[in-house]
Amino acid sequence: MTATDLLATLRAVNDSAAFNRWAGFTVARAAPGEIDLTLTWRDDFGQYAGFLHAGLAGALIDTACGFAAFTLSGPVLASRYSVNCLAPAIGERFIARGRVVKAGRKQVFTSAELFAVKADVEKLVATGDAILVPTAP
């Protein structure tokens, strides 16, 4: 599959998920084993202090890891994921960069970093990892 085809396929998968459409997740870049997912800030994403809610940070990390795994293994389902919040997530937009650490037949190990972008400066605000299970026969 070409890089253009891979990006188009992942965008279609992303667009098929109601949650991703509601949140406004956008697949910005895709390559074998890698993905960049973006989100533009909206006030309804904030928690009580005005930062990006950790639940949404987790959703970005989970989705970036899943899409990275998809690039090598096809459809997958998360069996475990974790999130480490490193700093208040304050930004105009956010970028989740997911990558495959190791792809096996039964499990795909992935990791992701979440960056807050303000005035074109990226700040690492969270990291995470996921173990995914391929669902295709």
N, C-alpha and C. Protein backbone atom coordinates (compact mmCIF):
# COMPACT_ATOMS: atom_id res chain seq x y z
N MET A 1 0.85 -1.17 0.00
CA MET A 1 0.00 0.00 0.00
C MET A 1 0.90 1.24 0.00
N THR A 2 0.61 2.19 -0.88
CA THR A 2 1.41 3.41 -0.94
C THR A 2 1.10 4.29 0.27
N ALA A 3 1.98 5.26 0.52
CA ALA A 3 1.77 6.20 1.63
C ALA A 3 0.46 6.97 1.44
N THR A 4 0.15 7.33 0.22
CA THR A 4 -1.09 8.05 -0.07
C THR A 4 -2.31 7.17 0.22
N ASP A 5 -2.24 5.90 -0.19
CA ASP A 5 -3.33 4.96 0.06
C ASP A 5 -3.50 4.72 1.56
N LEU A 6 -2.38 4.58 2.27
CA LEU A 6 -2.42 4.35 3.71
C LEU A 6 -3.08 5.53 4.42
N LEU A 7 -2.70 6.74 4.05
CA LEU A 7 -3.29 7.94 4.65
C LEU A 7 -4.78 8.00 4.35
N ALA A 8 -5.17 7.73 3.12
CA ALA A 8 -6.59 7.75 2.75
C ALA A 8 -7.38 6.69 3.51
N THR A 9 -6.81 5.51 3.67
CA THR A 9 -7.48 4.44 4.40
C THR A 9 -7.68 4.82 5.86
N LEU A 10 -6.64 5.35 6.49
CA LEU A 10 -6.76 5.73 7.90
C LEU A 10 -7.72 6.90 8.09
N ARG A 11 -7.74 7.82 7.16
CA ARG A 11 -8.71 8.92 7.25
C ARG A 11 -10.13 8.39 7.16
N ALA A 12 -10.35 7.40 6.31
CA ALA A 12 -11.69 6.80 6.20
C ALA A 12 -12.06 6.06 7.48
N VAL A 13 -11.11 5.33 8.06
CA VAL A 13 -11.36 4.65 9.34
C VAL A 13 -11.68 5.68 10.42
N ASN A 14 -10.90 6.73 10.48
CA ASN A 14 -11.12 7.80 11.46
C ASN A 14 -12.50 8.42 11.29
N ASP A 15 -12.87 8.70 10.06
CA ASP A 15 -14.16 9.33 9.78
C ASP A 15 -15.34 8.41 10.09
N SER A 16 -15.10 7.10 10.15
CA SER A 16 -16.18 6.16 10.44
C SER A 16 -16.49 6.07 11.94
N ALA A 17 -15.63 6.64 12.78
CA ALA A 17 -15.82 6.57 14.23
C ALA A 17 -16.53 7.82 14.73
N ALA A 18 -17.73 7.66 15.28
CA ALA A 18 -18.53 8.80 15.73
C ALA A 18 -17.79 9.65 16.76
N PHE A 19 -17.10 9.03 17.72
CA PHE A 19 -16.37 9.79 18.73
C PHE A 19 -15.29 10.65 18.08
N ASN A 20 -14.54 10.07 17.16
CA ASN A 20 -13.47 10.82 16.49
C ASN A 20 -14.02 12.00 15.70
N ARG A 21 -15.17 11.79 15.04
CA ARG A 21 -15.80 12.90 14.31
C ARG A 21 -16.25 13.99 15.28
N TRP A 22 -16.90 13.60 16.40
CA TRP A 22 -17.35 14.58 17.38
C TRP A 22 -16.18 15.41 17.91
N ALA A 23 -15.09 14.72 18.26
CA ALA A 23 -13.93 15.41 18.83
C ALA A 23 -13.19 16.23 17.78
N GLY A 24 -13.22 15.79 16.55
CA GLY A 24 -12.49 16.48 15.49
C GLY A 24 -11.09 15.94 15.28
N PHE A 25 -10.85 14.66 15.61
CA PHE A 25 -9.55 14.06 15.34
C PHE A 25 -9.29 14.09 13.84
N THR A 26 -8.07 14.41 13.46
CA THR A 26 -7.67 14.42 12.06
C THR A 26 -6.39 13.61 11.91
N VAL A 27 -6.37 12.71 10.95
CA VAL A 27 -5.15 11.97 10.64
C VAL A 27 -4.31 12.87 9.74
N ALA A 28 -3.21 13.37 10.29
CA ALA A 28 -2.37 14.32 9.56
C ALA A 28 -1.25 13.65 8.77
N ARG A 29 -0.77 12.51 9.27
CA ARG A 29 0.34 11.82 8.61
C ARG A 29 0.26 10.34 8.95
N ALA A 30 0.60 9.51 7.98
CA ALA A 30 0.66 8.07 8.21
C ALA A 30 1.80 7.48 7.40
N ALA A 31 2.51 6.57 8.01
CA ALA A 31 3.57 5.81 7.37
C ALA A 31 3.55 4.44 8.04
N PRO A 32 4.17 3.44 7.44
CA PRO A 32 4.17 2.13 8.09
C PRO A 32 4.72 2.22 9.52
N GLY A 33 3.87 1.88 10.48
CA GLY A 33 4.27 1.89 11.88
C GLY A 33 4.20 3.24 12.57
N GLU A 34 3.71 4.27 11.88
CA GLU A 34 3.69 5.62 12.46
C GLU A 34 2.42 6.37 12.08
N ILE A 35 2.02 7.28 12.96
CA ILE A 35 0.83 8.10 12.71
C ILE A 35 0.94 9.41 13.46
N ASP A 36 0.44 10.47 12.87
CA ASP A 36 0.24 11.75 13.56
C ASP A 36 -1.25 12.06 13.53
N LEU A 37 -1.80 12.27 14.69
CA LEU A 37 -3.21 12.59 14.86
C LEU A 37 -3.30 13.97 15.47
N THR A 38 -4.16 14.84 14.94
CA THR A 38 -4.25 16.20 15.47
C THR A 38 -5.66 16.50 15.99
N LEU A 39 -5.71 17.48 16.87
CA LEU A 39 -6.96 17.94 17.46
C LEU A 39 -6.85 19.43 17.71
N THR A 40 -7.84 20.18 17.28
CA THR A 40 -7.89 21.61 17.54
C THR A 40 -8.67 21.85 18.83
N TRP A 41 -8.14 22.71 19.69
CA TRP A 41 -8.75 23.02 20.99
C TRP A 41 -10.16 23.58 20.84
N ARG A 42 -11.06 23.11 21.69
CA ARG A 42 -12.39 23.69 21.86
C ARG A 42 -12.62 23.84 23.36
N ASP A 43 -13.33 24.86 23.77
CA ASP A 43 -13.56 25.10 25.19
C ASP A 43 -14.23 23.92 25.88
N ASP A 44 -15.06 23.16 25.17
CA ASP A 44 -15.72 22.03 25.82
C ASP A 44 -14.80 20.84 26.05
N PHE A 45 -13.52 20.93 25.69
CA PHE A 45 -12.53 19.90 25.98
C PHE A 45 -11.86 20.12 27.32
N GLY A 46 -12.08 21.28 27.94
CA GLY A 46 -11.36 21.63 29.16
C GLY A 46 -11.93 21.00 30.41
N GLN A 47 -11.04 20.74 31.37
CA GLN A 47 -11.49 20.32 32.69
C GLN A 47 -11.64 21.58 33.54
N TYR A 48 -11.83 21.46 34.82
CA TYR A 48 -12.17 22.61 35.67
C TYR A 48 -11.14 23.74 35.65
N ALA A 49 -9.86 23.45 35.40
CA ALA A 49 -8.83 24.50 35.39
C ALA A 49 -8.53 25.00 33.98
N GLY A 50 -9.24 24.47 32.98
CA GLY A 50 -9.07 24.94 31.61
C GLY A 50 -8.05 24.19 30.78
N PHE A 51 -7.48 23.10 31.31
CA PHE A 51 -6.54 22.29 30.55
C PHE A 51 -7.32 21.24 29.76
N LEU A 52 -6.67 20.65 28.76
CA LEU A 52 -7.28 19.53 28.04
C LEU A 52 -7.57 18.42 29.05
N HIS A 53 -8.78 17.93 29.06
CA HIS A 53 -9.17 16.87 29.99
C HIS A 53 -8.32 15.63 29.75
N ALA A 54 -7.86 15.00 30.83
CA ALA A 54 -7.01 13.82 30.72
C ALA A 54 -7.70 12.69 29.95
N GLY A 55 -9.03 12.62 30.03
CA GLY A 55 -9.75 11.61 29.27
C GLY A 55 -9.59 11.80 27.78
N LEU A 56 -9.57 13.05 27.34
CA LEU A 56 -9.38 13.31 25.92
C LEU A 56 -7.92 13.07 25.53
N ALA A 57 -6.99 13.41 26.42
CA ALA A 57 -5.57 13.09 26.17
C ALA A 57 -5.41 11.59 26.00
N GLY A 58 -6.07 10.82 26.87
CA GLY A 58 -6.01 9.37 26.76
C GLY A 58 -6.62 8.86 25.47
N ALA A 59 -7.73 9.47 25.05
CA ALA A 59 -8.36 9.06 23.79
C ALA A 59 -7.44 9.33 22.61
N LEU A 60 -6.74 10.45 22.62
CA LEU A 60 -5.78 10.74 21.54
C LEU A 60 -4.65 9.72 21.52
N ILE A 61 -4.12 9.40 22.69
CA ILE A 61 -3.02 8.44 22.77
C ILE A 61 -3.49 7.06 22.34
N ASP A 62 -4.65 6.63 22.84
CA ASP A 62 -5.22 5.33 22.47
C ASP A 62 -5.43 5.24 20.96
N THR A 63 -6.00 6.27 20.38
CA THR A 63 -6.29 6.28 18.95
C THR A 63 -5.00 6.31 18.12
N ALA A 64 -4.03 7.13 18.53
CA ALA A 64 -2.75 7.18 17.80
C ALA A 64 -2.05 5.82 17.84
N CYS A 65 -2.07 5.17 19.00
CA CYS A 65 -1.46 3.84 19.09
C CYS A 65 -2.21 2.84 18.22
N GLY A 66 -3.53 2.88 18.25
CA GLY A 66 -4.32 1.96 17.44
C GLY A 66 -4.11 2.16 15.96
N PHE A 67 -4.07 3.41 15.53
CA PHE A 67 -3.86 3.67 14.11
C PHE A 67 -2.44 3.30 13.67
N ALA A 68 -1.45 3.52 14.54
CA ALA A 68 -0.08 3.10 14.21
C ALA A 68 -0.04 1.58 14.01
N ALA A 69 -0.70 0.85 14.91
CA ALA A 69 -0.76 -0.61 14.78
C ALA A 69 -1.48 -1.01 13.50
N PHE A 70 -2.57 -0.30 13.19
CA PHE A 70 -3.34 -0.60 11.97
C PHE A 70 -2.47 -0.55 10.73
N THR A 71 -1.50 0.36 10.69
CA THR A 71 -0.66 0.51 9.49
C THR A 71 0.13 -0.75 9.18
N LEU A 72 0.37 -1.58 10.20
CA LEU A 72 1.14 -2.81 9.98
C LEU A 72 0.30 -4.08 10.10
N SER A 73 -0.76 -4.03 10.91
CA SER A 73 -1.49 -5.25 11.25
C SER A 73 -2.95 -5.26 10.83
N GLY A 74 -3.43 -4.17 10.25
CA GLY A 74 -4.85 -4.09 9.92
C GLY A 74 -5.66 -3.79 11.16
N PRO A 75 -6.96 -4.11 11.14
CA PRO A 75 -7.82 -3.78 12.29
C PRO A 75 -7.31 -4.39 13.59
N VAL A 76 -7.36 -3.60 14.66
CA VAL A 76 -6.87 -4.03 15.97
C VAL A 76 -7.85 -3.58 17.05
N LEU A 77 -7.70 -4.17 18.21
CA LEU A 77 -8.49 -3.83 19.38
C LEU A 77 -7.53 -3.68 20.56
N ALA A 78 -7.67 -2.60 21.31
CA ALA A 78 -6.79 -2.39 22.46
C ALA A 78 -7.11 -3.39 23.56
N SER A 79 -6.07 -4.02 24.09
CA SER A 79 -6.27 -4.89 25.25
C SER A 79 -5.76 -4.21 26.51
N ARG A 80 -4.91 -3.21 26.36
CA ARG A 80 -4.39 -2.45 27.49
C ARG A 80 -3.78 -1.16 26.97
N TYR A 81 -4.03 -0.06 27.71
CA TYR A 81 -3.30 1.16 27.40
C TYR A 81 -3.10 1.97 28.67
N SER A 82 -2.07 2.78 28.67
CA SER A 82 -1.79 3.62 29.83
C SER A 82 -1.40 5.01 29.36
N VAL A 83 -1.61 5.97 30.25
CA VAL A 83 -1.31 7.36 29.95
C VAL A 83 -0.53 7.95 31.11
N ASN A 84 0.49 8.72 30.79
CA ASN A 84 1.27 9.45 31.79
C ASN A 84 1.12 10.94 31.48
N CYS A 85 0.46 11.68 32.36
CA CYS A 85 0.30 13.12 32.18
C CYS A 85 1.54 13.80 32.76
N LEU A 86 2.26 14.52 31.92
CA LEU A 86 3.53 15.12 32.31
C LEU A 86 3.44 16.59 32.66
N ALA A 87 2.49 17.29 32.03
CA ALA A 87 2.36 18.74 32.22
C ALA A 87 0.94 19.14 31.86
N PRO A 88 0.47 20.29 32.37
CA PRO A 88 -0.86 20.75 31.95
C PRO A 88 -0.92 20.87 30.43
N ALA A 89 -1.97 20.32 29.86
CA ALA A 89 -2.13 20.31 28.41
C ALA A 89 -2.87 21.58 27.99
N ILE A 90 -2.08 22.61 27.69
CA ILE A 90 -2.63 23.90 27.28
C ILE A 90 -2.11 24.19 25.88
N GLY A 91 -3.03 24.36 24.93
CA GLY A 91 -2.59 24.63 23.57
C GLY A 91 -3.73 25.03 22.67
N GLU A 92 -3.35 25.49 21.50
CA GLU A 92 -4.32 25.83 20.46
C GLU A 92 -4.72 24.57 19.70
N ARG A 93 -3.79 23.63 19.67
CA ARG A 93 -4.04 22.34 19.04
C ARG A 93 -3.11 21.32 19.68
N PHE A 94 -3.37 20.05 19.37
CA PHE A 94 -2.62 18.96 19.97
C PHE A 94 -2.24 17.97 18.89
N ILE A 95 -1.06 17.37 19.05
CA ILE A 95 -0.57 16.36 18.11
C ILE A 95 -0.22 15.11 18.90
N ALA A 96 -0.83 14.00 18.53
CA ALA A 96 -0.47 12.71 19.11
C ALA A 96 0.33 11.96 18.06
N ARG A 97 1.56 11.59 18.42
CA ARG A 97 2.44 10.86 17.50
C ARG A 97 2.57 9.43 18.01
N GLY A 98 1.98 8.50 17.27
CA GLY A 98 2.01 7.10 17.66
C GLY A 98 2.99 6.32 16.80
N ARG A 99 3.56 5.27 17.40
CA ARG A 99 4.48 4.42 16.64
C ARG A 99 4.42 2.99 17.16
N VAL A 100 4.70 2.07 16.29
CA VAL A 100 4.77 0.66 16.67
C VAL A 100 6.15 0.39 17.22
N VAL A 101 6.19 -0.22 18.38
CA VAL A 101 7.45 -0.65 18.99
C VAL A 101 7.81 -2.04 18.49
N LYS A 102 6.82 -2.94 18.50
CA LYS A 102 7.01 -4.29 17.98
C LYS A 102 5.66 -4.85 17.56
N ALA A 103 5.61 -5.37 16.36
CA ALA A 103 4.38 -5.98 15.85
C ALA A 103 4.56 -7.48 15.77
N GLY A 104 3.73 -8.20 16.50
CA GLY A 104 3.73 -9.65 16.44
C GLY A 104 2.42 -10.13 15.82
N ARG A 105 2.27 -11.44 15.70
CA ARG A 105 1.04 -11.98 15.12
C ARG A 105 -0.15 -11.80 16.05
N LYS A 106 0.08 -11.92 17.37
CA LYS A 106 -1.01 -11.88 18.33
C LYS A 106 -1.10 -10.59 19.12
N GLN A 107 -0.02 -9.84 19.19
CA GLN A 107 -0.01 -8.57 19.93
C GLN A 107 0.85 -7.56 19.19
N VAL A 108 0.42 -6.29 19.28
CA VAL A 108 1.20 -5.19 18.70
C VAL A 108 1.47 -4.21 19.84
N PHE A 109 2.74 -3.94 20.09
CA PHE A 109 3.16 -3.03 21.15
C PHE A 109 3.42 -1.65 20.54
N THR A 110 2.81 -0.64 21.12
CA THR A 110 2.90 0.71 20.57
C THR A 110 3.18 1.73 21.67
N SER A 111 3.59 2.91 21.25
CA SER A 111 3.75 4.03 22.18
C SER A 111 3.34 5.31 21.47
N ALA A 112 3.05 6.34 22.27
CA ALA A 112 2.65 7.62 21.71
C ALA A 112 3.10 8.75 22.61
N GLU A 113 3.29 9.90 22.00
CA GLU A 113 3.58 11.14 22.72
C GLU A 113 2.53 12.16 22.31
N LEU A 114 2.06 12.93 23.27
CA LEU A 114 1.08 13.98 23.02
C LEU A 114 1.73 15.33 23.25
N PHE A 115 1.64 16.18 22.24
CA PHE A 115 2.21 17.52 22.30
C PHE A 115 1.10 18.56 22.26
N ALA A 116 1.21 19.58 23.10
CA ALA A 116 0.35 20.76 23.02
C ALA A 116 1.10 21.77 22.16
N VAL A 117 0.39 22.41 21.24
CA VAL A 117 1.01 23.38 20.35
C VAL A 117 0.39 24.75 20.61
N LYS A 118 1.25 25.70 20.93
CA LYS A 118 0.80 27.08 21.17
C LYS A 118 1.81 27.99 20.50
N ALA A 119 1.33 28.89 19.63
CA ALA A 119 2.20 29.80 18.86
C ALA A 119 3.29 29.01 18.13
N ASP A 120 2.90 27.87 17.54
CA ASP A 120 3.78 26.99 16.77
C ASP A 120 4.92 26.38 17.58
N VAL A 121 4.82 26.40 18.91
CA VAL A 121 5.81 25.75 19.77
C VAL A 121 5.17 24.49 20.35
N GLU A 122 5.83 23.34 20.17
CA GLU A 122 5.33 22.08 20.68
C GLU A 122 5.89 21.81 22.07
N LYS A 123 5.01 21.36 22.97
CA LYS A 123 5.42 21.00 24.33
C LYS A 123 4.88 19.61 24.63
N LEU A 124 5.75 18.71 25.05
CA LEU A 124 5.34 17.37 25.40
C LEU A 124 4.52 17.43 26.69
N VAL A 125 3.27 16.94 26.64
CA VAL A 125 2.39 17.01 27.80
C VAL A 125 1.96 15.64 28.31
N ALA A 126 2.08 14.60 27.50
CA ALA A 126 1.70 13.26 27.95
C ALA A 126 2.37 12.20 27.07
N THR A 127 2.53 11.05 27.64
CA THR A 127 3.02 9.89 26.90
C THR A 127 2.10 8.71 27.23
N GLY A 128 2.20 7.68 26.46
CA GLY A 128 1.41 6.49 26.73
C GLY A 128 1.86 5.33 25.89
N ASP A 129 1.29 4.19 26.20
CA ASP A 129 1.57 3.01 25.39
C ASP A 129 0.33 2.14 25.37
N ALA A 130 0.29 1.26 24.40
CA ALA A 130 -0.85 0.36 24.26
C ALA A 130 -0.39 -0.98 23.71
N ILE A 131 -1.09 -2.01 24.15
CA ILE A 131 -0.94 -3.33 23.55
C ILE A 131 -2.24 -3.59 22.81
N LEU A 132 -2.11 -3.90 21.54
CA LEU A 132 -3.30 -4.11 20.70
C LEU A 132 -3.29 -5.52 20.14
N VAL A 133 -4.49 -6.03 19.85
CA VAL A 133 -4.66 -7.37 19.33
C VAL A 133 -5.26 -7.28 17.92
N PRO A 134 -4.59 -7.85 16.92
CA PRO A 134 -5.18 -7.85 15.58
C PRO A 134 -6.51 -8.61 15.59
N THR A 135 -7.51 -8.06 14.89
CA THR A 135 -8.83 -8.68 14.89
C THR A 135 -9.15 -9.38 13.57
N ALA A 136 -8.35 -9.15 12.55
CA ALA A 136 -8.59 -9.81 11.26
C ALA A 136 -8.11 -11.25 11.34
N PRO A 137 -8.83 -12.18 10.69
CA PRO A 137 -8.42 -13.61 10.73
C PRO A 137 -7.10 -13.85 10.06
